[in-house]
Amino acid sequence: MATVATQGTHRRTGRATERPTDRNEADRDDLLSELLTPLRLTGVFDSRWHVSAPWAIEGDAEEGCAVLHYIVEGGCWITAADQSPIRLGAGDLIVFPTGAAHRLSDRPERQGLPLKAVLPERRPGTSGEIRIDGTGAESRLLCAGLHYDASAATGLYRSLPWALVLDGTQVDREPLLRDTLRLLAATDRPVGPGDRLITLRAFEMALVLALRPLLRELADNPDSLPVLRHPGISRALVAIATRFAEPWTIDSLAREVGMSRSAFTAAFRALVGESPARHLTGRRMQEAARLLTETTLPQSSVPERVGYQSAVGFHLAFRKWFGMTPGEYRAGVADAA
């Protein structure tokens, strides 16, 4: 089963009233669905590891980068500061949504080499290989750093557990995920025109396919993501995620979920890790970035689409958030392509 290191929406018919539990479950499902919207990856560095015990490699924290390890053959241990060691076997997949620092090794107590010493160049869009020839058990892994625009990541995404694990049985229940991982792990993976873009989108698909069953596990075990236990904050997050273009204020959001302004603000900051205003701005900026990079919508039409009545206000907010103007952002993505 899927594990976290640390349902469908109910429809009512006729004139029956909706029970509070049904509303809470529907909000939870909507909230988890928002987390399934993949971060648009900007680049991937992937590597294939062929290692024999004894071995251990230390990976640093990766800002703006999700990390995944897929065990093709053999097994390994994952260890991190203040966390219980995790044992992985063939067919298992582990995802670090926010690139938490961790060590991979044949034994949990073994100290290892820094990843940057083994793979000094890990530029997005390239691939690498690690070989460690020992006398012990052999293992083969597919490892990847999935780079995304950290400024577009929501507080909710950043609040995900440090590591999420799918065992081999669970991976097999997701045939598209399993086959994608196997193709990406193959030593004779096809290479040709458009290979970088194909690889990027394949890893993007693998990420969202992996998150889907993992988030179902979170729904069944809400203690792993405390915000799911709070009906008011969950409803506010869904409102911000799906109705970001509305003229929300802190007061109107608090009224929407039946809380006082002070209680709402305090609970939101405690559970999400940022203020409601910053979270709303982040969601609007995320959508603005998508419209600028994935559509041909005129730049002048973007502010109203993301909840800004003033083009000047939008321009200032966008520049503060991304460090560049909307026009520069759109041009920069076009140049990178």
C-alpha atoms as a PDB file:
ATOM      1  CA  MET A   1       0.000   0.000   0.000  1.00  0.00           C
ATOM      2  CA  ALA A   2       1.013   3.602  -0.389  1.00  0.00           C
ATOM      3  CA  THR A   3       2.683   5.037   2.680  1.00  0.00           C
ATOM      4  CA  VAL A   4       3.506   8.500   3.901  1.00  0.00           C
ATOM      5  CA  ALA A   5       6.831   8.871   5.663  1.00  0.00           C
ATOM      6  CA  THR A   6       6.117  10.212   9.134  1.00  0.00           C
ATOM      7  CA  GLN A   7     -12.946   8.448  -2.487  1.00  0.00           C
ATOM      8  CA  GLY A   8     -15.134   9.904  -4.669  1.00  0.00           C
ATOM      9  CA  THR A   9     -17.365  12.941  -4.056  1.00  0.00           C
ATOM     10  CA  HIS A  10     -20.760  12.081  -2.545  1.00  0.00           C
ATOM     11  CA  ARG A  11     -23.713  13.271  -4.635  1.00  0.00           C
ATOM     12  CA  ARG A  12     -27.120  13.928  -3.034  1.00  0.00           C
ATOM     13  CA  THR A  13     -30.378  13.613  -4.895  1.00  0.00           C
ATOM     14  CA  GLY A  14     -33.954  14.701  -4.150  1.00  0.00           C
ATOM     15  CA  ARG A  15     -34.544  17.107  -1.285  1.00  0.00           C
ATOM     16  CA  ALA A  16     -32.379  15.499   1.340  1.00  0.00           C
ATOM     17  CA  THR A  17     -30.031  17.875   3.128  1.00  0.00           C
ATOM     18  CA  GLU A  18     -26.299  17.453   2.911  1.00  0.00           C
ATOM     19  CA  ARG A  19     -24.722  16.067   6.063  1.00  0.00           C
ATOM     20  CA  PRO A  20     -21.700  17.951   7.429  1.00  0.00           C
ATOM     21  CA  THR A  21     -19.534  14.872   6.990  1.00  0.00           C
ATOM     22  CA  ASP A  22     -20.482  14.704   3.306  1.00  0.00           C
ATOM     23  CA  ARG A  23     -19.499  18.353   2.844  1.00  0.00           C
ATOM     24  CA  ASN A  24     -16.206  17.817   4.627  1.00  0.00           C
ATOM     25  CA  GLU A  25     -15.388  14.744   2.549  1.00  0.00           C
ATOM     26  CA  ALA A  26     -16.287  16.557  -0.671  1.00  0.00           C
ATOM     27  CA  ASP A  27     -14.070  19.496   0.307  1.00  0.00           C
ATOM     28  CA  ARG A  28     -11.244  17.088   1.130  1.00  0.00           C
ATOM     29  CA  ASP A  29     -11.581  15.385  -2.242  1.00  0.00           C
ATOM     30  CA  ASP A  30     -11.566  18.750  -4.018  1.00  0.00           C
ATOM     31  CA  LEU A  31      -8.517  19.838  -2.065  1.00  0.00           C
ATOM     32  CA  LEU A  32      -6.584  16.694  -2.934  1.00  0.00           C
ATOM     33  CA  SER A  33      -7.625  17.064  -6.569  1.00  0.00           C
ATOM     34  CA  GLU A  34      -5.966  20.475  -6.596  1.00  0.00           C
ATOM     35  CA  LEU A  35      -2.732  18.884  -5.390  1.00  0.00           C
ATOM     36  CA  LEU A  36      -2.909  16.502  -8.344  1.00  0.00           C
ATOM     37  CA  THR A  37      -2.522  19.409 -10.734  1.00  0.00           C
ATOM     38  CA  PRO A  38       1.139  18.870 -11.579  1.00  0.00           C
ATOM     39  CA  LEU A  39       3.712  21.559 -11.117  1.00  0.00           C
ATOM     40  CA  ARG A  40       4.878  22.451 -14.584  1.00  0.00           C
ATOM     41  CA  LEU A  41       8.387  21.088 -14.754  1.00  0.00           C
ATOM     42  CA  THR A  42      11.075  23.344 -16.180  1.00  0.00           C
ATOM     43  CA  GLY A  43      13.761  20.681 -16.493  1.00  0.00           C
ATOM     44  CA  VAL A  44      14.836  17.197 -15.422  1.00  0.00           C
ATOM     45  CA  PHE A  45      18.189  15.661 -14.600  1.00  0.00           C
ATOM     46  CA  ASP A  46      17.950  11.875 -14.499  1.00  0.00           C
ATOM     47  CA  SER A  47      20.539   9.228 -13.745  1.00  0.00           C
ATOM     48  CA  ARG A  48      20.880   5.489 -13.686  1.00  0.00           C
ATOM     49  CA  TRP A  49      22.695   3.907 -10.762  1.00  0.00           C
ATOM     50  CA  HIS A  50      24.494   0.542 -10.874  1.00  0.00           C
ATOM     51  CA  VAL A  51      25.821  -0.043  -7.364  1.00  0.00           C
ATOM     52  CA  SER A  52      27.173  -2.955  -5.368  1.00  0.00           C
ATOM     53  CA  ALA A  53      27.570  -2.995  -1.587  1.00  0.00           C
ATOM     54  CA  PRO A  54      29.140  -1.354   0.245  1.00  0.00           C
ATOM     55  CA  TRP A  55      27.846   2.014  -0.985  1.00  0.00           C
ATOM     56  CA  ALA A  56      26.210   5.213   0.282  1.00  0.00           C
ATOM     57  CA  ILE A  57      25.493   8.580  -1.352  1.00  0.00           C
ATOM     58  CA  GLU A  58      24.412  11.776   0.399  1.00  0.00           C
ATOM     59  CA  GLY A  59      22.029  14.119  -1.397  1.00  0.00           C
ATOM     60  CA  ASP A  60      21.616  17.767  -0.367  1.00  0.00           C
ATOM     61  CA  ALA A  61      18.296  19.561  -0.152  1.00  0.00           C
ATOM     62  CA  GLU A  62      17.103  20.674  -3.596  1.00  0.00           C
ATOM     63  CA  GLU A  63      15.176  23.959  -3.663  1.00  0.00           C
ATOM     64  CA  GLY A  64      12.499  24.048  -6.371  1.00  0.00           C
ATOM     65  CA  CYS A  65      13.053  20.401  -7.174  1.00  0.00           C
ATOM     66  CA  ALA A  66      11.058  17.236  -6.527  1.00  0.00           C
ATOM     67  CA  VAL A  67      13.206  14.102  -6.341  1.00  0.00           C
ATOM     68  CA  LEU A  68      12.231  10.536  -7.130  1.00  0.00           C
ATOM     69  CA  HIS A  69      14.011   7.192  -6.849  1.00  0.00           C
ATOM     70  CA  TYR A  70      12.690   4.052  -8.513  1.00  0.00           C
ATOM     71  CA  ILE A  71      14.272   0.753  -7.510  1.00  0.00           C
ATOM     72  CA  VAL A  72      14.716  -1.365 -10.636  1.00  0.00           C
ATOM     73  CA  GLU A  73      16.636  -4.221  -9.023  1.00  0.00           C
ATOM     74  CA  GLY A  74      17.919  -4.976  -5.535  1.00  0.00           C
ATOM     75  CA  GLY A  75      17.164  -2.497  -2.786  1.00  0.00           C
ATOM     76  CA  CYS A  76      18.425   0.345  -0.625  1.00  0.00           C
ATOM     77  CA  TRP A  77      17.844   2.297   2.562  1.00  0.00           C
ATOM     78  CA  ILE A  78      16.706   5.936   2.724  1.00  0.00           C
ATOM     79  CA  THR A  79      17.789   7.889   5.784  1.00  0.00           C
ATOM     80  CA  ALA A  80      17.397  11.540   6.757  1.00  0.00           C
ATOM     81  CA  ALA A  81      17.915  13.677   9.837  1.00  0.00           C
ATOM     82  CA  ASP A  82      15.265  13.123  12.538  1.00  0.00           C
ATOM     83  CA  GLN A  83      13.437  10.524  10.396  1.00  0.00           C
ATOM     84  CA  SER A  84      13.087   6.754  10.680  1.00  0.00           C
ATOM     85  CA  PRO A  85      15.044   4.812   8.022  1.00  0.00           C
ATOM     86  CA  ILE A  86      12.996   3.529   5.077  1.00  0.00           C
ATOM     87  CA  ARG A  87      13.765   0.225   3.373  1.00  0.00           C
ATOM     88  CA  LEU A  88      13.013   0.034  -0.364  1.00  0.00           C
ATOM     89  CA  GLY A  89      12.986  -3.045  -2.571  1.00  0.00           C
ATOM     90  CA  ALA A  90      12.695  -3.797  -6.278  1.00  0.00           C
ATOM     91  CA  GLY A  91       9.690  -2.052  -7.824  1.00  0.00           C
ATOM     92  CA  ASP A  92       9.314   0.509  -5.027  1.00  0.00           C
ATOM     93  CA  LEU A  93       9.133   4.250  -5.693  1.00  0.00           C
ATOM     94  CA  ILE A  94       9.895   7.116  -3.313  1.00  0.00           C
ATOM     95  CA  VAL A  95       9.099  10.780  -4.022  1.00  0.00           C
ATOM     96  CA  PHE A  96      10.472  13.786  -2.136  1.00  0.00           C
ATOM     97  CA  PRO A  97       7.987  16.522  -3.172  1.00  0.00           C
ATOM     98  CA  THR A  98      10.159  19.396  -1.982  1.00  0.00           C
ATOM     99  CA  GLY A  99      13.594  17.826  -2.443  1.00  0.00           C
ATOM    100  CA  ALA A 100      14.406  17.059   1.206  1.00  0.00           C
ATOM    101  CA  ALA A 101      18.015  16.086   1.938  1.00  0.00           C
ATOM    102  CA  HIS A 102      18.502  12.333   2.316  1.00  0.00           C
ATOM    103  CA  ARG A 103      21.005   9.488   2.025  1.00  0.00           C
ATOM    104  CA  LEU A 104      20.738   6.330  -0.094  1.00  0.00           C
ATOM    105  CA  SER A 105      22.796   3.339   0.993  1.00  0.00           C
ATOM    106  CA  ASP A 106      22.976  -0.425   1.232  1.00  0.00           C
ATOM    107  CA  ARG A 107      22.809  -0.155   5.048  1.00  0.00           C
ATOM    108  CA  PRO A 108      21.101   2.620   7.059  1.00  0.00           C
ATOM    109  CA  GLU A 109      24.102   3.337   9.297  1.00  0.00           C
ATOM    110  CA  ARG A 110      26.625   3.691   6.470  1.00  0.00           C
ATOM    111  CA  GLN A 111      28.066   7.162   5.790  1.00  0.00           C
ATOM    112  CA  GLY A 112      28.591   8.049   2.162  1.00  0.00           C
ATOM    113  CA  LEU A 113      29.955  10.313  -0.520  1.00  0.00           C
ATOM    114  CA  PRO A 114      28.258  13.623  -1.370  1.00  0.00           C
ATOM    115  CA  LEU A 115      26.193  13.356  -4.545  1.00  0.00           C
ATOM    116  CA  LYS A 116      28.003  16.384  -5.970  1.00  0.00           C
ATOM    117  CA  ALA A 117      31.280  14.460  -5.721  1.00  0.00           C
ATOM    118  CA  VAL A 118      29.875  11.551  -7.725  1.00  0.00           C
ATOM    119  CA  LEU A 119      27.796  13.613 -10.167  1.00  0.00           C
ATOM    120  CA  PRO A 120      29.290  17.130 -10.191  1.00  0.00           C
ATOM    121  CA  GLU A 121      27.279  18.208 -13.234  1.00  0.00           C
ATOM    122  CA  ARG A 122      23.518  17.787 -12.901  1.00  0.00           C
ATOM    123  CA  ARG A 123      22.144  20.340 -15.331  1.00  0.00           C
ATOM    124  CA  PRO A 124      18.442  20.001 -16.195  1.00  0.00           C
ATOM    125  CA  GLY A 125      18.021  18.404 -19.593  1.00  0.00           C
ATOM    126  CA  THR A 126      20.970  16.046 -19.173  1.00  0.00           C
ATOM    127  CA  SER A 127      21.458  12.507 -17.900  1.00  0.00           C
ATOM    128  CA  GLY A 128      24.153  10.815 -15.841  1.00  0.00           C
ATOM    129  CA  GLU A 129      25.294   7.480 -14.506  1.00  0.00           C
ATOM    130  CA  ILE A 130      26.707   6.242 -11.219  1.00  0.00           C
ATOM    131  CA  ARG A 131      28.690   3.010 -10.935  1.00  0.00           C
ATOM    132  CA  ILE A 132      30.021   1.658  -7.658  1.00  0.00           C
ATOM    133  CA  ASP A 133      31.664  -1.727  -7.891  1.00  0.00           C
ATOM    134  CA  GLY A 134      31.661  -3.538  -4.578  1.00  0.00           C
ATOM    135  CA  THR A 135      31.686  -7.173  -3.580  1.00  0.00           C
ATOM    136  CA  GLY A 136      28.187  -7.274  -2.100  1.00  0.00           C
ATOM    137  CA  ALA A 137      24.611  -7.253  -3.325  1.00  0.00           C
ATOM    138  CA  GLU A 138      23.898  -5.373  -6.546  1.00  0.00           C
ATOM    139  CA  SER A 139      21.173  -2.774  -7.033  1.00  0.00           C
ATOM    140  CA  ARG A 140      19.936  -0.712  -9.954  1.00  0.00           C
ATOM    141  CA  LEU A 141      18.036   2.561  -9.561  1.00  0.00           C
ATOM    142  CA  LEU A 142      16.477   5.315 -11.646  1.00  0.00           C
ATOM    143  CA  CYS A 143      16.916   8.686  -9.941  1.00  0.00           C
ATOM    144  CA  ALA A 144      15.689  12.074 -11.085  1.00  0.00           C
ATOM    145  CA  GLY A 145      15.570  15.691  -9.988  1.00  0.00           C
ATOM    146  CA  LEU A 146      12.382  17.315 -11.303  1.00  0.00           C
ATOM    147  CA  HIS A 147      12.911  21.081 -11.392  1.00  0.00           C
ATOM    148  CA  TYR A 148       9.910  23.388 -11.151  1.00  0.00           C
ATOM    149  CA  ASP A 149       9.327  27.095 -10.624  1.00  0.00           C
ATOM    150  CA  ALA A 150       9.478  27.281  -6.815  1.00  0.00           C
ATOM    151  CA  SER A 151       7.726  30.656  -6.806  1.00  0.00           C
ATOM    152  CA  ALA A 152       4.655  29.002  -8.322  1.00  0.00           C
ATOM    153  CA  ALA A 153       4.482  26.235  -5.703  1.00  0.00           C
ATOM    154  CA  THR A 154       1.606  26.720  -3.277  1.00  0.00           C
ATOM    155  CA  GLY A 155       1.961  26.556   0.489  1.00  0.00           C
ATOM    156  CA  LEU A 156      -0.245  23.476   0.384  1.00  0.00           C
ATOM    157  CA  TYR A 157       2.205  21.685  -1.897  1.00  0.00           C
ATOM    158  CA  ARG A 158       5.108  22.738   0.290  1.00  0.00           C
ATOM    159  CA  SER A 159       3.296  21.304   3.332  1.00  0.00           C
ATOM    160  CA  LEU A 160       3.329  17.762   1.911  1.00  0.00           C
ATOM    161  CA  PRO A 161       5.282  15.199   3.960  1.00  0.00           C
ATOM    162  CA  TRP A 162       9.036  15.083   3.370  1.00  0.00           C
ATOM    163  CA  ALA A 163       8.813  11.701   1.608  1.00  0.00           C
ATOM    164  CA  LEU A 164       6.064   9.610   0.001  1.00  0.00           C
ATOM    165  CA  VAL A 165       6.465   5.922  -0.789  1.00  0.00           C
ATOM    166  CA  LEU A 166       4.688   3.561  -3.191  1.00  0.00           C
ATOM    167  CA  ASP A 167       5.654  -0.067  -2.787  1.00  0.00           C
ATOM    168  CA  GLY A 168       6.007  -2.338  -5.810  1.00  0.00           C
ATOM    169  CA  THR A 169       2.516  -3.763  -5.448  1.00  0.00           C
ATOM    170  CA  GLN A 170       0.976  -0.311  -5.506  1.00  0.00           C
ATOM    171  CA  VAL A 171       3.080   0.707  -8.501  1.00  0.00           C
ATOM    172  CA  ASP A 172       1.848  -2.386 -10.344  1.00  0.00           C
ATOM    173  CA  ARG A 173      -1.738  -1.266  -9.708  1.00  0.00           C
ATOM    174  CA  GLU A 174      -0.951   1.865 -11.717  1.00  0.00           C
ATOM    175  CA  PRO A 175       0.037   0.329 -15.084  1.00  0.00           C
ATOM    176  CA  LEU A 176       0.726   3.652 -16.790  1.00  0.00           C
ATOM    177  CA  LEU A 177       3.026   4.721 -13.957  1.00  0.00           C
ATOM    178  CA  ARG A 178       4.777   1.336 -13.911  1.00  0.00           C
ATOM    179  CA  ASP A 179       5.351   1.263 -17.660  1.00  0.00           C
ATOM    180  CA  THR A 180       6.524   4.890 -17.743  1.00  0.00           C
ATOM    181  CA  LEU A 181       9.073   4.239 -14.999  1.00  0.00           C
ATOM    182  CA  ARG A 182      10.332   1.102 -16.698  1.00  0.00           C
ATOM    183  CA  LEU A 183      10.772   2.922 -19.989  1.00  0.00           C
ATOM    184  CA  LEU A 184      12.619   5.798 -18.325  1.00  0.00           C
ATOM    185  CA  ALA A 185      14.836   3.345 -16.440  1.00  0.00           C
ATOM    186  CA  ALA A 186      15.772   1.344 -19.523  1.00  0.00           C
ATOM    187  CA  THR A 187      19.426   1.522 -20.532  1.00  0.00           C
ATOM    188  CA  ASP A 188      18.413   1.478 -24.206  1.00  0.00           C
ATOM    189  CA  ARG A 189      15.824   4.236 -23.894  1.00  0.00           C
ATOM    190  CA  PRO A 190      15.096   5.640 -27.375  1.00  0.00           C
ATOM    191  CA  VAL A 191      16.999   8.806 -28.273  1.00  0.00           C
ATOM    192  CA  GLY A 192      16.088  11.113 -31.126  1.00  0.00           C
ATOM    193  CA  PRO A 193      14.560  14.461 -32.115  1.00  0.00           C
ATOM    194  CA  GLY A 194      12.553  15.989 -29.289  1.00  0.00           C
ATOM    195  CA  ASP A 195      14.047  13.594 -26.726  1.00  0.00           C
ATOM    196  CA  ARG A 196      14.522  16.276 -24.053  1.00  0.00           C
ATOM    197  CA  LEU A 197      10.913  17.429 -24.264  1.00  0.00           C
ATOM    198  CA  ILE A 198       9.578  13.857 -24.312  1.00  0.00           C
ATOM    199  CA  THR A 199      11.658  12.961 -21.272  1.00  0.00           C
ATOM    200  CA  LEU A 200      10.521  16.088 -19.442  1.00  0.00           C
ATOM    201  CA  ARG A 201       6.846  15.362 -20.032  1.00  0.00           C
ATOM    202  CA  ALA A 202       7.275  11.653 -19.218  1.00  0.00           C
ATOM    203  CA  PHE A 203       8.726  12.499 -15.810  1.00  0.00           C
ATOM    204  CA  GLU A 204       6.003  15.106 -15.300  1.00  0.00           C
ATOM    205  CA  MET A 205       3.403  12.422 -15.967  1.00  0.00           C
ATOM    206  CA  ALA A 206       5.201   9.988 -13.653  1.00  0.00           C
ATOM    207  CA  LEU A 207       5.119  12.581 -10.867  1.00  0.00           C
ATOM    208  CA  VAL A 208       1.386  13.178 -11.034  1.00  0.00           C
ATOM    209  CA  LEU A 209       0.643   9.461 -11.490  1.00  0.00           C
ATOM    210  CA  ALA A 210       2.688   8.758  -8.366  1.00  0.00           C
ATOM    211  CA  LEU A 211       0.997  11.506  -6.361  1.00  0.00           C
ATOM    212  CA  ARG A 212      -2.488  10.219  -7.156  1.00  0.00           C
ATOM    213  CA  PRO A 213      -2.440   7.046  -5.001  1.00  0.00           C
ATOM    214  CA  LEU A 214      -0.256   8.750  -2.423  1.00  0.00           C
ATOM    215  CA  LEU A 215      -2.823  11.510  -1.974  1.00  0.00           C
ATOM    216  CA  ARG A 216      -5.566   8.911  -1.647  1.00  0.00           C
ATOM    217  CA  GLU A 217      -3.522   7.544   1.240  1.00  0.00           C
ATOM    218  CA  LEU A 218      -3.371  11.027   2.738  1.00  0.00           C
ATOM    219  CA  ALA A 219      -7.156  11.263   2.503  1.00  0.00           C
ATOM    220  CA  ASP A 220      -7.469   8.027   4.473  1.00  0.00           C
ATOM    221  CA  ASN A 221      -4.888   9.190   7.032  1.00  0.00           C
ATOM    222  CA  PRO A 222      -5.467  12.943   7.438  1.00  0.00           C
ATOM    223  CA  ASP A 223      -3.029  13.123  10.365  1.00  0.00           C
ATOM    224  CA  SER A 224      -0.299  13.041   7.713  1.00  0.00           C
ATOM    225  CA  LEU A 225      -1.535  16.389   6.364  1.00  0.00           C
ATOM    226  CA  PRO A 226      -3.160  18.204   9.318  1.00  0.00           C
ATOM    227  CA  VAL A 227      -4.876  20.822   7.165  1.00  0.00           C
ATOM    228  CA  LEU A 228      -7.223  18.063   5.947  1.00  0.00           C
ATOM    229  CA  ARG A 229      -8.629  17.748   9.462  1.00  0.00           C
ATOM    230  CA  HIS A 230      -9.781  21.371   9.600  1.00  0.00           C
ATOM    231  CA  PRO A 231     -13.043  21.800   7.669  1.00  0.00           C
ATOM    232  CA  GLY A 232     -12.863  25.607   7.605  1.00  0.00           C
ATOM    233  CA  ILE A 233      -9.302  25.894   6.330  1.00  0.00           C
ATOM    234  CA  SER A 234      -9.847  23.046   3.853  1.00  0.00           C
ATOM    235  CA  ARG A 235     -12.865  24.877   2.425  1.00  0.00           C
ATOM    236  CA  ALA A 236     -10.884  28.115   2.221  1.00  0.00           C
ATOM    237  CA  LEU A 237      -8.093  26.370   0.326  1.00  0.00           C
ATOM    238  CA  VAL A 238     -10.581  24.916  -2.142  1.00  0.00           C
ATOM    239  CA  ALA A 239     -12.172  28.358  -2.626  1.00  0.00           C
ATOM    240  CA  ILE A 240      -8.775  29.945  -3.287  1.00  0.00           C
ATOM    241  CA  ALA A 241      -7.711  27.127  -5.596  1.00  0.00           C
ATOM    242  CA  THR A 242     -10.855  27.104  -7.725  1.00  0.00           C
ATOM    243  CA  ARG A 243     -12.316  30.632  -7.352  1.00  0.00           C
ATOM    244  CA  PHE A 244      -9.152  32.727  -7.218  1.00  0.00           C
ATOM    245  CA  ALA A 245     -10.548  35.285  -9.698  1.00  0.00           C
ATOM    246  CA  GLU A 246     -13.234  36.407  -7.242  1.00  0.00           C
ATOM    247  CA  PRO A 247     -12.624  39.642  -5.255  1.00  0.00           C
ATOM    248  CA  TRP A 248     -11.673  37.887  -2.037  1.00  0.00           C
ATOM    249  CA  THR A 249     -10.637  39.707   1.124  1.00  0.00           C
ATOM    250  CA  ILE A 250      -9.549  38.112   4.397  1.00  0.00           C
ATOM    251  CA  ASP A 251     -12.943  39.052   5.861  1.00  0.00           C
ATOM    252  CA  SER A 252     -14.926  37.516   3.002  1.00  0.00           C
ATOM    253  CA  LEU A 253     -12.861  34.313   3.096  1.00  0.00           C
ATOM    254  CA  ALA A 254     -13.429  34.034   6.834  1.00  0.00           C
ATOM    255  CA  ARG A 255     -17.179  34.526   6.354  1.00  0.00           C
ATOM    256  CA  GLU A 256     -17.184  31.953   3.556  1.00  0.00           C
ATOM    257  CA  VAL A 257     -15.983  29.271   5.962  1.00  0.00           C
ATOM    258  CA  GLY A 258     -17.900  30.474   9.035  1.00  0.00           C
ATOM    259  CA  MET A 259     -14.942  31.714  11.094  1.00  0.00           C
ATOM    260  CA  SER A 260     -13.930  34.993  12.686  1.00  0.00           C
ATOM    261  CA  ARG A 261     -11.172  36.902  10.935  1.00  0.00           C
ATOM    262  CA  SER A 262      -8.673  36.438  13.769  1.00  0.00           C
ATOM    263  CA  ALA A 263      -9.346  32.705  14.224  1.00  0.00           C
ATOM    264  CA  PHE A 264      -9.262  32.132  10.472  1.00  0.00           C
ATOM    265  CA  THR A 265      -5.970  33.975   9.970  1.00  0.00           C
ATOM    266  CA  ALA A 266      -4.272  32.207  12.894  1.00  0.00           C
ATOM    267  CA  ALA A 267      -5.471  28.724  11.892  1.00  0.00           C
ATOM    268  CA  PHE A 268      -4.593  29.254   8.229  1.00  0.00           C
ATOM    269  CA  ARG A 269      -1.059  30.382   9.000  1.00  0.00           C
ATOM    270  CA  ALA A 270      -0.522  27.507  11.452  1.00  0.00           C
ATOM    271  CA  LEU A 271      -1.770  24.796   9.075  1.00  0.00           C
ATOM    272  CA  VAL A 272      -0.649  26.099   5.684  1.00  0.00           C
ATOM    273  CA  GLY A 273       2.539  27.860   6.707  1.00  0.00           C
ATOM    274  CA  GLU A 274       1.700  31.237   5.169  1.00  0.00           C
ATOM    275  CA  SER A 275      -0.976  33.912   5.464  1.00  0.00           C
ATOM    276  CA  PRO A 276      -4.272  33.655   3.536  1.00  0.00           C
ATOM    277  CA  ALA A 277      -3.312  36.774   1.543  1.00  0.00           C
ATOM    278  CA  ARG A 278       0.017  35.306   0.443  1.00  0.00           C
ATOM    279  CA  HIS A 279      -1.603  31.986  -0.437  1.00  0.00           C
ATOM    280  CA  LEU A 280      -4.236  33.750  -2.553  1.00  0.00           C
ATOM    281  CA  THR A 281      -1.559  35.807  -4.296  1.00  0.00           C
ATOM    282  CA  GLY A 282       0.459  32.653  -4.948  1.00  0.00           C
ATOM    283  CA  ARG A 283      -2.505  30.902  -6.552  1.00  0.00           C
ATOM    284  CA  ARG A 284      -3.221  33.920  -8.752  1.00  0.00           C
ATOM    285  CA  MET A 285       0.440  34.166  -9.776  1.00  0.00           C
ATOM    286  CA  GLN A 286       0.501  30.443 -10.548  1.00  0.00           C
ATOM    287  CA  GLU A 287      -2.442  30.845 -12.903  1.00  0.00           C
ATOM    288  CA  ALA A 288      -1.012  34.019 -14.426  1.00  0.00           C
ATOM    289  CA  ALA A 289       2.252  32.209 -15.174  1.00  0.00           C
ATOM    290  CA  ARG A 290       0.312  29.378 -16.799  1.00  0.00           C
ATOM    291  CA  LEU A 291      -1.688  31.761 -18.987  1.00  0.00           C
ATOM    292  CA  LEU A 292       1.475  33.577 -20.061  1.00  0.00           C
ATOM    293  CA  THR A 293       3.400  30.421 -20.927  1.00  0.00           C
ATOM    294  CA  GLU A 294       0.775  27.960 -22.128  1.00  0.00           C
ATOM    295  CA  THR A 295      -1.714  30.179 -23.961  1.00  0.00           C
ATOM    296  CA  THR A 296      -1.701  32.996 -26.481  1.00  0.00           C
ATOM    297  CA  LEU A 297      -4.080  35.092 -24.357  1.00  0.00           C
ATOM    298  CA  PRO A 298      -3.167  38.785 -24.715  1.00  0.00           C
ATOM    299  CA  GLN A 299      -1.174  39.994 -21.751  1.00  0.00           C
ATOM    300  CA  SER A 300      -3.726  42.759 -21.173  1.00  0.00           C
ATOM    301  CA  SER A 301      -6.410  40.120 -20.525  1.00  0.00           C
ATOM    302  CA  VAL A 302      -4.471  38.239 -17.849  1.00  0.00           C
ATOM    303  CA  PRO A 303      -5.094  40.536 -14.816  1.00  0.00           C
ATOM    304  CA  GLU A 304      -8.886  40.192 -14.885  1.00  0.00           C
ATOM    305  CA  ARG A 305      -8.619  36.416 -15.447  1.00  0.00           C
ATOM    306  CA  VAL A 306      -6.694  36.026 -12.200  1.00  0.00           C
ATOM    307  CA  GLY A 307      -8.651  38.390  -9.968  1.00  0.00           C
ATOM    308  CA  TYR A 308      -7.009  41.797 -10.470  1.00  0.00           C
ATOM    309  CA  GLN A 309      -9.186  44.765 -11.401  1.00  0.00           C
ATOM    310  CA  SER A 310      -6.135  46.963 -12.014  1.00  0.00           C
ATOM    311  CA  ALA A 311      -3.512  46.130 -14.639  1.00  0.00           C
ATOM    312  CA  VAL A 312      -1.000  48.231 -12.705  1.00  0.00           C
ATOM    313  CA  GLY A 313      -1.739  46.332  -9.489  1.00  0.00           C
ATOM    314  CA  PHE A 314      -1.282  43.035 -11.289  1.00  0.00           C
ATOM    315  CA  HIS A 315       1.961  44.188 -12.908  1.00  0.00           C
ATOM    316  CA  LEU A 316       3.424  45.256  -9.557  1.00  0.00           C
ATOM    317  CA  ALA A 317       2.306  42.045  -7.828  1.00  0.00           C
ATOM    318  CA  PHE A 318       3.704  39.868 -10.610  1.00  0.00           C
ATOM    319  CA  ARG A 319       7.060  41.643 -10.608  1.00  0.00           C
ATOM    320  CA  LYS A 320       7.343  41.362  -6.829  1.00  0.00           C
ATOM    321  CA  TRP A 321       6.489  37.652  -6.953  1.00  0.00           C
ATOM    322  CA  PHE A 322       8.640  36.528  -9.894  1.00  0.00           C
ATOM    323  CA  GLY A 323      11.287  39.241  -9.997  1.00  0.00           C
ATOM    324  CA  MET A 324      10.372  40.205 -13.564  1.00  0.00           C
ATOM    325  CA  THR A 325       7.485  41.723 -15.505  1.00  0.00           C
ATOM    326  CA  PRO A 326       4.775  39.556 -17.133  1.00  0.00           C
ATOM    327  CA  GLY A 327       6.199  40.424 -20.559  1.00  0.00           C
ATOM    328  CA  GLU A 328       9.711  39.399 -19.524  1.00  0.00           C
ATOM    329  CA  TYR A 329       8.374  36.175 -18.055  1.00  0.00           C
ATOM    330  CA  ARG A 330       6.543  35.253 -21.253  1.00  0.00           C
ATOM    331  CA  ALA A 331       9.537  36.162 -23.412  1.00  0.00           C
ATOM    332  CA  GLY A 332      11.923  34.206 -21.196  1.00  0.00           C
ATOM    333  CA  VAL A 333       9.906  31.006 -21.493  1.00  0.00           C
ATOM    334  CA  ALA A 334       9.643  31.453 -25.242  1.00  0.00           C
ATOM    335  CA  ASP A 335      13.421  31.916 -25.534  1.00  0.00           C
ATOM    336  CA  ALA A 336      14.067  28.798 -23.400  1.00  0.00           C
ATOM    337  CA  ALA A 337      11.865  26.718 -25.692  1.00  0.00           C
END
